[in-house]
Amino acid sequence: CAGIETELVAYLGRWQGLPITYAGGISSQQDIDQIGSLGNGSIDFTVGSALDIFGGNGLRYEDLARRYGEK
């Protein structure tokens, strides 16, 4: 929950190979928005300890599922 590595996300956003999932440091919706922006919309993400279902208080699972869940 210490924040994302913005330089790494920007670098990965330029990658034209296999799909990429970023993990680690995500603590808020702002971090997720940065991944989308810096990663040119091409990077998936996974959230761990910041989620309320894992004891965190930065993000609610229900909110993320509603916003990013399969449609």
C-alpha atoms as a PDB file:
ATOM      1  CA  CYS A   1       0.000   0.000   0.000  1.00  0.00           C
ATOM      2  CA  ALA A   2       2.966   2.321  -0.449  1.00  0.00           C
ATOM      3  CA  GLY A   3       1.948   3.552  -3.892  1.00  0.00           C
ATOM      4  CA  ILE A   4       2.764   2.407  -7.391  1.00  0.00           C
ATOM      5  CA  GLU A   5       6.098   2.605  -9.215  1.00  0.00           C
ATOM      6  CA  THR A   6       5.117   5.258 -11.749  1.00  0.00           C
ATOM      7  CA  GLU A   7       8.259   4.964 -13.905  1.00  0.00           C
ATOM      8  CA  LEU A   8       7.790   1.203 -14.165  1.00  0.00           C
ATOM      9  CA  VAL A   9       4.102   1.567 -15.063  1.00  0.00           C
ATOM     10  CA  ALA A  10       4.963   4.100 -17.790  1.00  0.00           C
ATOM     11  CA  TYR A  11       7.652   1.757 -19.138  1.00  0.00           C
ATOM     12  CA  LEU A  12       5.287  -1.210 -19.133  1.00  0.00           C
ATOM     13  CA  GLY A  13       2.650   0.909 -20.882  1.00  0.00           C
ATOM     14  CA  ARG A  14       4.979   1.137 -23.877  1.00  0.00           C
ATOM     15  CA  TRP A  15       5.375  -2.661 -24.046  1.00  0.00           C
ATOM     16  CA  GLN A  16       3.877  -4.211 -27.153  1.00  0.00           C
ATOM     17  CA  GLY A  17       4.231  -7.858 -26.133  1.00  0.00           C
ATOM     18  CA  LEU A  18       2.120 -10.125 -23.979  1.00  0.00           C
ATOM     19  CA  PRO A  19      -0.591  -8.721 -21.658  1.00  0.00           C
ATOM     20  CA  ILE A  20       0.739  -7.271 -18.393  1.00  0.00           C
ATOM     21  CA  THR A  21      -0.780  -7.212 -14.917  1.00  0.00           C
ATOM     22  CA  TYR A  22       0.673  -4.766 -12.394  1.00  0.00           C
ATOM     23  CA  ALA A  23       0.678  -5.776  -8.737  1.00  0.00           C
ATOM     24  CA  GLY A  24       2.076  -4.146  -5.643  1.00  0.00           C
ATOM     25  CA  GLY A  25       1.646  -0.872  -3.861  1.00  0.00           C
ATOM     26  CA  ILE A  26      -1.885  -0.027  -4.961  1.00  0.00           C
ATOM     27  CA  SER A  27      -3.594   1.775  -2.099  1.00  0.00           C
ATOM     28  CA  SER A  28      -6.313   3.927  -3.650  1.00  0.00           C
ATOM     29  CA  GLN A  29      -8.471   4.597  -6.688  1.00  0.00           C
ATOM     30  CA  GLN A  30      -5.981   7.326  -7.582  1.00  0.00           C
ATOM     31  CA  ASP A  31      -3.249   4.675  -7.966  1.00  0.00           C
ATOM     32  CA  ILE A  32      -5.534   2.651 -10.243  1.00  0.00           C
ATOM     33  CA  ASP A  33      -6.313   5.758 -12.298  1.00  0.00           C
ATOM     34  CA  GLN A  34      -2.568   6.413 -12.657  1.00  0.00           C
ATOM     35  CA  ILE A  35      -2.012   2.878 -13.918  1.00  0.00           C
ATOM     36  CA  GLY A  36      -4.666   3.504 -16.553  1.00  0.00           C
ATOM     37  CA  SER A  37      -3.166   6.824 -17.571  1.00  0.00           C
ATOM     38  CA  LEU A  38       0.549   6.001 -17.428  1.00  0.00           C
ATOM     39  CA  GLY A  39      -0.015   2.537 -18.863  1.00  0.00           C
ATOM     40  CA  ASN A  40      -1.992   3.847 -21.839  1.00  0.00           C
ATOM     41  CA  GLY A  41      -4.955   1.713 -20.819  1.00  0.00           C
ATOM     42  CA  SER A  42      -3.049  -1.474 -21.627  1.00  0.00           C
ATOM     43  CA  ILE A  43      -2.134  -2.704 -18.129  1.00  0.00           C
ATOM     44  CA  ASP A  44      -4.355  -4.815 -15.919  1.00  0.00           C
ATOM     45  CA  PHE A  45      -3.941  -4.601 -12.151  1.00  0.00           C
ATOM     46  CA  THR A  46      -4.439  -6.614  -9.022  1.00  0.00           C
ATOM     47  CA  VAL A  47      -5.095  -5.221  -5.552  1.00  0.00           C
ATOM     48  CA  GLY A  48      -4.183  -6.972  -2.327  1.00  0.00           C
ATOM     49  CA  SER A  49      -3.919  -5.659   1.205  1.00  0.00           C
ATOM     50  CA  ALA A  50      -5.586  -2.307   0.455  1.00  0.00           C
ATOM     51  CA  LEU A  51      -8.905  -4.118  -0.093  1.00  0.00           C
ATOM     52  CA  ASP A  52     -11.409  -4.037   2.712  1.00  0.00           C
ATOM     53  CA  ILE A  53     -11.942  -7.814   2.456  1.00  0.00           C
ATOM     54  CA  PHE A  54      -8.277  -8.264   3.429  1.00  0.00           C
ATOM     55  CA  GLY A  55      -8.429  -5.780   6.303  1.00  0.00           C
ATOM     56  CA  GLY A  56      -7.452  -2.700   4.308  1.00  0.00           C
ATOM     57  CA  ASN A  57      -9.271   0.594   4.232  1.00  0.00           C
ATOM     58  CA  GLY A  58      -8.083   2.092   0.946  1.00  0.00           C
ATOM     59  CA  LEU A  59     -10.458   0.335  -1.424  1.00  0.00           C
ATOM     60  CA  ARG A  60     -13.779  -1.456  -1.159  1.00  0.00           C
ATOM     61  CA  TYR A  61     -14.050  -4.766  -3.000  1.00  0.00           C
ATOM     62  CA  GLU A  62     -17.684  -4.060  -3.838  1.00  0.00           C
ATOM     63  CA  ASP A  63     -16.773  -0.746  -5.504  1.00  0.00           C
ATOM     64  CA  LEU A  64     -14.014  -2.304  -7.616  1.00  0.00           C
ATOM     65  CA  ALA A  65     -16.179  -5.254  -8.625  1.00  0.00           C
ATOM     66  CA  ARG A  66     -18.929  -2.899  -9.706  1.00  0.00           C
ATOM     67  CA  ARG A  67     -16.558  -0.648 -11.664  1.00  0.00           C
ATOM     68  CA  TYR A  68     -14.200  -3.201 -13.224  1.00  0.00           C
ATOM     69  CA  GLY A  69     -16.096  -6.488 -13.045  1.00  0.00           C
ATOM     70  CA  GLU A  70     -17.148  -8.389 -16.111  1.00  0.00           C
ATOM     71  CA  LYS A  71     -20.156  -6.963 -17.819  1.00  0.00           C
END
